[in-house]
PDB file of N, CA and C in Angstrom:
ATOM      1  N   MET A   1     123.971 108.560 136.136  1.00  0.00           N
ATOM      2  CA  MET A   1     124.645 109.526 135.300  1.00  0.00           C
ATOM      3  C   MET A   1     125.890 110.003 136.039  1.00  0.00           C
ATOM      4  N   SER A   2     127.031 109.895 135.389  1.00  0.00           N
ATOM      5  CA  SER A   2     128.270 110.315 136.024  1.00  0.00           C
ATOM      6  C   SER A   2     128.377 111.839 136.048  1.00  0.00           C
ATOM      7  N   LYS A   3     129.296 112.342 136.854  1.00  0.00           N
ATOM      8  CA  LYS A   3     129.474 113.786 136.978  1.00  0.00           C
ATOM      9  C   LYS A   3     129.890 114.415 135.656  1.00  0.00           C
ATOM     10  N   LYS A   4     130.672 113.720 134.851  1.00  0.00           N
ATOM     11  CA  LYS A   4     131.137 114.246 133.572  1.00  0.00           C
ATOM     12  C   LYS A   4     130.033 114.261 132.523  1.00  0.00           C
ATOM     13  N   GLN A   5     129.019 113.405 132.673  1.00  0.00           N
ATOM     14  CA  GLN A   5     127.964 113.286 131.691  1.00  0.00           C
ATOM     15  C   GLN A   5     126.848 114.282 132.010  1.00  0.00           C
ATOM     16  N   SER A   6     126.455 115.071 131.022  1.00  0.00           N
ATOM     17  CA  SER A   6     125.433 116.082 131.206  1.00  0.00           C
ATOM     18  C   SER A   6     124.170 115.671 130.461  1.00  0.00           C
ATOM     19  N   ARG A   7     123.021 115.916 131.066  1.00  0.00           N
ATOM     20  CA  ARG A   7     121.755 115.542 130.450  1.00  0.00           C
ATOM     21  C   ARG A   7     121.459 116.452 129.266  1.00  0.00           C
ATOM     22  N   THR A   8     121.069 115.861 128.139  1.00  0.00           N
ATOM     23  CA  THR A   8     120.703 116.609 126.947  1.00  0.00           C
ATOM     24  C   THR A   8     119.342 117.255 127.167  1.00  0.00           C
ATOM     25  N   ILE A   9     119.213 118.508 126.740  1.00  0.00           N
ATOM     26  CA  ILE A   9     117.926 119.187 126.855  1.00  0.00           C
ATOM     27  C   ILE A   9     117.430 119.572 125.467  1.00  0.00           C
ATOM     28  N   THR A  10     116.137 119.828 125.353  1.00  0.00           N
ATOM     29  CA  THR A  10     115.524 120.232 124.093  1.00  0.00           C
ATOM     30  C   THR A  10     115.324 121.740 124.086  1.00  0.00           C
ATOM     31  N   LEU A  11     114.978 122.287 122.932  1.00  0.00           N
ATOM     32  CA  LEU A  11     114.687 123.713 122.842  1.00  0.00           C
ATOM     33  C   LEU A  11     113.500 124.089 123.729  1.00  0.00           C
ATOM     34  N   GLU A  12     112.510 123.203 123.809  1.00  0.00           N
ATOM     35  CA  GLU A  12     111.349 123.462 124.645  1.00  0.00           C
ATOM     36  C   GLU A  12     111.743 123.551 126.120  1.00  0.00           C
ATOM     37  N   GLU A  13     112.642 122.669 126.552  1.00  0.00           N
ATOM     38  CA  GLU A  13     113.130 122.710 127.930  1.00  0.00           C
ATOM     39  C   GLU A  13     113.989 123.950 128.161  1.00  0.00           C
ATOM     40  N   LEU A  14     114.783 124.317 127.159  1.00  0.00           N
ATOM     41  CA  LEU A  14     115.645 125.498 127.266  1.00  0.00           C
ATOM     42  C   LEU A  14     114.806 126.746 127.530  1.00  0.00           C
ATOM     43  N   ALA A  15     113.660 126.841 126.871  1.00  0.00           N
ATOM     44  CA  ALA A  15     112.793 128.015 127.013  1.00  0.00           C
ATOM     45  C   ALA A  15     112.274 128.171 128.445  1.00  0.00           C
ATOM     46  N   LYS A  16     112.272 127.095 129.224  1.00  0.00           N
ATOM     47  CA  LYS A  16     111.750 127.124 130.588  1.00  0.00           C
ATOM     48  C   LYS A  16     112.839 127.285 131.644  1.00  0.00           C
ATOM     49  N   LYS A  17     114.096 127.295 131.229  1.00  0.00           N
ATOM     50  CA  LYS A  17     115.225 127.363 132.169  1.00  0.00           C
ATOM     51  C   LYS A  17     115.748 128.791 132.294  1.00  0.00           C
ATOM     52  N   THR A  18     116.495 129.030 133.359  1.00  0.00           N
ATOM     53  CA  THR A  18     117.183 130.306 133.542  1.00  0.00           C
ATOM     54  C   THR A  18     118.604 130.197 133.018  1.00  0.00           C
ATOM     55  N   THR A  19     119.309 129.141 133.420  1.00  0.00           N
ATOM     56  CA  THR A  19     120.664 128.885 132.946  1.00  0.00           C
ATOM     57  C   THR A  19     120.827 127.402 132.664  1.00  0.00           C
ATOM     58  N   ILE A  20     121.832 127.084 131.860  1.00  0.00           N
ATOM     59  CA  ILE A  20     122.215 125.695 131.621  1.00  0.00           C
ATOM     60  C   ILE A  20     123.728 125.620 131.662  1.00  0.00           C
ATOM     61  N   SER A  21     124.238 124.418 131.766  1.00  0.00           N
ATOM     62  CA  SER A  21     125.690 124.243 131.790  1.00  0.00           C
ATOM     63  C   SER A  21     126.274 124.465 130.389  1.00  0.00           C
ATOM     64  N   VAL A  22     127.548 124.760 130.348  1.00  0.00           N
ATOM     65  CA  VAL A  22     128.232 124.920 129.065  1.00  0.00           C
ATOM     66  C   VAL A  22     128.177 123.603 128.292  1.00  0.00           C
ATOM     67  N   GLU A  23     128.278 122.486 128.995  1.00  0.00           N
ATOM     68  CA  GLU A  23     128.205 121.178 128.352  1.00  0.00           C
ATOM     69  C   GLU A  23     126.842 120.956 127.707  1.00  0.00           C
ATOM     70  N   GLN A  24     125.765 121.321 128.400  1.00  0.00           N
ATOM     71  CA  GLN A  24     124.424 121.181 127.830  1.00  0.00           C
ATOM     72  C   GLN A  24     124.265 122.079 126.613  1.00  0.00           C
ATOM     73  N   ALA A  25     124.795 123.295 126.684  1.00  0.00           N
ATOM     74  CA  ALA A  25     124.729 124.210 125.543  1.00  0.00           C
ATOM     75  C   ALA A  25     125.475 123.629 124.350  1.00  0.00           C
ATOM     76  N   SER A  26     126.635 123.032 124.596  1.00  0.00           N
ATOM     77  CA  SER A  26     127.413 122.467 123.489  1.00  0.00           C
ATOM     78  C   SER A  26     126.644 121.355 122.787  1.00  0.00           C
ATOM     79  N   THR A  27     125.967 120.518 123.563  1.00  0.00           N
ATOM     80  CA  THR A  27     125.176 119.433 122.981  1.00  0.00           C
ATOM     81  C   THR A  27     124.002 119.987 122.193  1.00  0.00           C
ATOM     82  N   LEU A  28     123.340 120.971 122.748  1.00  0.00           N
ATOM     83  CA  LEU A  28     122.181 121.577 122.094  1.00  0.00           C
ATOM     84  C   LEU A  28     122.572 122.244 120.779  1.00  0.00           C
ATOM     85  N   ILE A  29     123.713 122.928 120.772  1.00  0.00           N
ATOM     86  CA  ILE A  29     124.184 123.624 119.579  1.00  0.00           C
ATOM     87  C   ILE A  29     124.788 122.652 118.569  1.00  0.00           C
ATOM     88  N   GLY A  30     125.343 121.558 119.056  1.00  0.00           N
ATOM     89  CA  GLY A  30     125.970 120.577 118.179  1.00  0.00           C
ATOM     90  C   GLY A  30     127.445 120.839 117.964  1.00  0.00           C
ATOM     91  N   ILE A  31     128.105 121.369 119.009  1.00  0.00           N
ATOM     92  CA  ILE A  31     129.549 121.600 118.951  1.00  0.00           C
ATOM     93  C   ILE A  31     130.207 120.865 120.114  1.00  0.00           C
ATOM     94  N   SER A  32     131.517 120.761 120.064  1.00  0.00           N
ATOM     95  CA  SER A  32     132.231 120.074 121.135  1.00  0.00           C
ATOM     96  C   SER A  32     132.219 120.908 122.406  1.00  0.00           C
ATOM     97  N   ARG A  33     132.487 120.252 123.510  1.00  0.00           N
ATOM     98  CA  ARG A  33     132.569 120.928 124.803  1.00  0.00           C
ATOM     99  C   ARG A  33     133.644 122.008 124.762  1.00  0.00           C
ATOM    100  N   GLN A  34     134.804 121.690 124.185  1.00  0.00           N
ATOM    101  CA  GLN A  34     135.900 122.659 124.104  1.00  0.00           C
ATOM    102  C   GLN A  34     135.509 123.849 123.233  1.00  0.00           C
ATOM    103  N   ALA A  35     134.833 123.599 122.122  1.00  0.00           N
ATOM    104  CA  ALA A  35     134.392 124.694 121.253  1.00  0.00           C
ATOM    105  C   ALA A  35     133.411 125.601 121.984  1.00  0.00           C
ATOM    106  N   ALA A  36     132.560 125.026 122.827  1.00  0.00           N
ATOM    107  CA  ALA A  36     131.616 125.824 123.615  1.00  0.00           C
ATOM    108  C   ALA A  36     132.360 126.700 124.625  1.00  0.00           C
ATOM    109  N   TYR A  37     133.342 126.125 125.320  1.00  0.00           N
ATOM    110  CA  TYR A  37     134.129 126.923 126.265  1.00  0.00           C
ATOM    111  C   TYR A  37     134.913 128.017 125.542  1.00  0.00           C
ATOM    112  N   ASP A  38     135.406 127.721 124.352  1.00  0.00           N
ATOM    113  CA  ASP A  38     136.096 128.742 123.558  1.00  0.00           C
ATOM    114  C   ASP A  38     135.130 129.874 123.204  1.00  0.00           C
ATOM    115  N   ALA A  39     133.903 129.521 122.809  1.00  0.00           N
ATOM    116  CA  ALA A  39     132.889 130.527 122.485  1.00  0.00           C
ATOM    117  C   ALA A  39     132.531 131.362 123.710  1.00  0.00           C
ATOM    118  N   VAL A  40     132.470 130.732 124.865  1.00  0.00           N
ATOM    119  CA  VAL A  40     132.211 131.457 126.116  1.00  0.00           C
ATOM    120  C   VAL A  40     133.328 132.454 126.367  1.00  0.00           C
ATOM    121  N   ASN A  41     134.565 132.018 126.226  1.00  0.00           N
ATOM    122  CA  ASN A  41     135.712 132.887 126.490  1.00  0.00           C
ATOM    123  C   ASN A  41     135.820 134.039 125.496  1.00  0.00           C
ATOM    124  N   ARG A  42     135.290 133.844 124.272  1.00  0.00           N
ATOM    125  CA  ARG A  42     135.280 134.918 123.268  1.00  0.00           C
ATOM    126  C   ARG A  42     134.051 135.823 123.425  1.00  0.00           C
ATOM    127  N   GLY A  43     133.131 135.465 124.317  1.00  0.00           N
ATOM    128  CA  GLY A  43     131.922 136.258 124.518  1.00  0.00           C
ATOM    129  C   GLY A  43     130.828 135.967 123.516  1.00  0.00           C
ATOM    130  N   GLU A  44     130.924 134.857 122.804  1.00  0.00           N
ATOM    131  CA  GLU A  44     129.936 134.506 121.787  1.00  0.00           C
ATOM    132  C   GLU A  44     128.716 133.787 122.361  1.00  0.00           C
ATOM    133  N   LEU A  45     128.849 133.246 123.549  1.00  0.00           N
ATOM    134  CA  LEU A  45     127.714 132.643 124.252  1.00  0.00           C
ATOM    135  C   LEU A  45     127.436 133.487 125.489  1.00  0.00           C
ATOM    136  N   PRO A  46     126.178 133.818 125.734  1.00  0.00           N
ATOM    137  CA  PRO A  46     125.830 134.651 126.890  1.00  0.00           C
ATOM    138  C   PRO A  46     125.957 133.858 128.188  1.00  0.00           C
ATOM    139  N   THR A  47     126.813 134.318 129.075  1.00  0.00           N
ATOM    140  CA  THR A  47     127.055 133.577 130.318  1.00  0.00           C
ATOM    141  C   THR A  47     127.055 134.497 131.528  1.00  0.00           C
ATOM    142  N   ILE A  48     126.942 133.863 132.682  1.00  0.00           N
ATOM    143  CA  ILE A  48     127.210 134.516 133.957  1.00  0.00           C
ATOM    144  C   ILE A  48     128.239 133.655 134.667  1.00  0.00           C
ATOM    145  N   CYS A  49     129.037 134.291 135.487  1.00  0.00           N
ATOM    146  CA  CYS A  49     130.055 133.581 136.258  1.00  0.00           C
ATOM    147  C   CYS A  49     129.646 133.583 137.718  1.00  0.00           C
ATOM    148  N   LEU A  50     129.686 132.422 138.311  1.00  0.00           N
ATOM    149  CA  LEU A  50     129.407 132.250 139.729  1.00  0.00           C
ATOM    150  C   LEU A  50     130.652 131.618 140.324  1.00  0.00           C
ATOM    151  N   GLY A  51     131.526 132.462 140.865  1.00  0.00           N
ATOM    152  CA  GLY A  51     132.822 131.960 141.297  1.00  0.00           C
ATOM    153  C   GLY A  51     133.598 131.520 140.077  1.00  0.00           C
ATOM    154  N   ARG A  52     134.040 130.286 140.068  1.00  0.00           N
ATOM    155  CA  ARG A  52     134.761 129.734 138.916  1.00  0.00           C
ATOM    156  C   ARG A  52     133.839 129.051 137.924  1.00  0.00           C
ATOM    157  N   ARG A  53     132.582 128.908 138.295  1.00  0.00           N
ATOM    158  CA  ARG A  53     131.605 128.214 137.446  1.00  0.00           C
ATOM    159  C   ARG A  53     130.983 129.179 136.445  1.00  0.00           C
ATOM    160  N   LYS A  54     130.868 128.749 135.193  1.00  0.00           N
ATOM    161  CA  LYS A  54     130.224 129.539 134.150  1.00  0.00           C
ATOM    162  C   LYS A  54     128.931 128.843 133.751  1.00  0.00           C
ATOM    163  N   ARG A  55     127.857 129.629 133.673  1.00  0.00           N
ATOM    164  CA  ARG A  55     126.550 129.105 133.269  1.00  0.00           C
ATOM    165  C   ARG A  55     126.080 129.902 132.064  1.00  0.00           C
ATOM    166  N   VAL A  56     125.482 129.222 131.102  1.00  0.00           N
ATOM    167  CA  VAL A  56     124.959 129.863 129.897  1.00  0.00           C
ATOM    168  C   VAL A  56     123.543 130.334 130.192  1.00  0.00           C
ATOM    169  N   LEU A  57     123.268 131.590 129.842  1.00  0.00           N
ATOM    170  CA  LEU A  57     121.936 132.151 130.042  1.00  0.00           C
ATOM    171  C   LEU A  57     120.977 131.549 129.011  1.00  0.00           C
ATOM    172  N   ALA A  58     119.898 130.965 129.496  1.00  0.00           N
ATOM    173  CA  ALA A  58     119.002 130.190 128.633  1.00  0.00           C
ATOM    174  C   ALA A  58     118.221 131.055 127.643  1.00  0.00           C
ATOM    175  N   LEU A  59     117.619 132.149 128.091  1.00  0.00           N
ATOM    176  CA  LEU A  59     116.770 132.940 127.196  1.00  0.00           C
ATOM    177  C   LEU A  59     117.544 133.541 126.019  1.00  0.00           C
ATOM    178  N   PRO A  60     118.702 134.188 126.252  1.00  0.00           N
ATOM    179  CA  PRO A  60     119.454 134.688 125.092  1.00  0.00           C
ATOM    180  C   PRO A  60     119.893 133.566 124.144  1.00  0.00           C
ATOM    181  N   LEU A  61     120.268 132.412 124.695  1.00  0.00           N
ATOM    182  CA  LEU A  61     120.657 131.279 123.850  1.00  0.00           C
ATOM    183  C   LEU A  61     119.461 130.783 123.056  1.00  0.00           C
ATOM    184  N   TYR A  62     118.307 130.686 123.703  1.00  0.00           N
ATOM    185  CA  TYR A  62     117.082 130.258 123.015  1.00  0.00           C
ATOM    186  C   TYR A  62     116.782 131.214 121.859  1.00  0.00           C
ATOM    187  N   ARG A  63     116.891 132.495 122.119  1.00  0.00           N
ATOM    188  CA  ARG A  63     116.629 133.487 121.070  1.00  0.00           C
ATOM    189  C   ARG A  63     117.637 133.356 119.924  1.00  0.00           C
ATOM    190  N   MET A  64     118.897 133.107 120.270  1.00  0.00           N
ATOM    191  CA  MET A  64     119.911 132.917 119.230  1.00  0.00           C
ATOM    192  C   MET A  64     119.563 131.723 118.363  1.00  0.00           C
ATOM    193  N   LEU A  65     119.143 130.639 118.989  1.00  0.00           N
ATOM    194  CA  LEU A  65     118.882 129.403 118.250  1.00  0.00           C
ATOM    195  C   LEU A  65     117.585 129.430 117.462  1.00  0.00           C
ATOM    196  N   THR A  66     116.647 130.235 117.911  1.00  0.00           N
ATOM    197  CA  THR A  66     115.354 130.315 117.202  1.00  0.00           C
ATOM    198  C   THR A  66     115.225 131.603 116.400  1.00  0.00           C
ATOM    199  N   GLN A  67     116.278 132.420 116.414  1.00  0.00           N
ATOM    200  CA  GLN A  67     116.357 133.686 115.697  1.00  0.00           C
ATOM    201  C   GLN A  67     115.223 134.628 116.065  1.00  0.00           C
ATOM    202  N   GLN A  68     114.907 134.676 117.358  1.00  0.00           N
ATOM    203  CA  GLN A  68     113.934 135.625 117.877  1.00  0.00           C
ATOM    204  C   GLN A  68     114.675 136.791 118.506  1.00  0.00           C
ATOM    205  N   SER A  69     114.085 137.953 118.452  1.00  0.00           N
ATOM    206  CA  SER A  69     114.720 139.109 119.098  1.00  0.00           C
ATOM    207  C   SER A  69     113.870 139.635 120.221  1.00  0.00           C
TER     208      SER A  69
END
């Protein structure tokens, strides 16, 4: 797997993670990588920043996708 290629995850796997990459979130949601980064920059995807790296928080995303509160 090349550095640019991100492994696809399932909702079940998402529920067990703490964070995922923006690329993995984009695949899971079904939007482009750029659209995911745009959503991150608008605050529409829950993220944390570690230096220059942005990671999507798994539990809030899981809740968004499964409509759980």
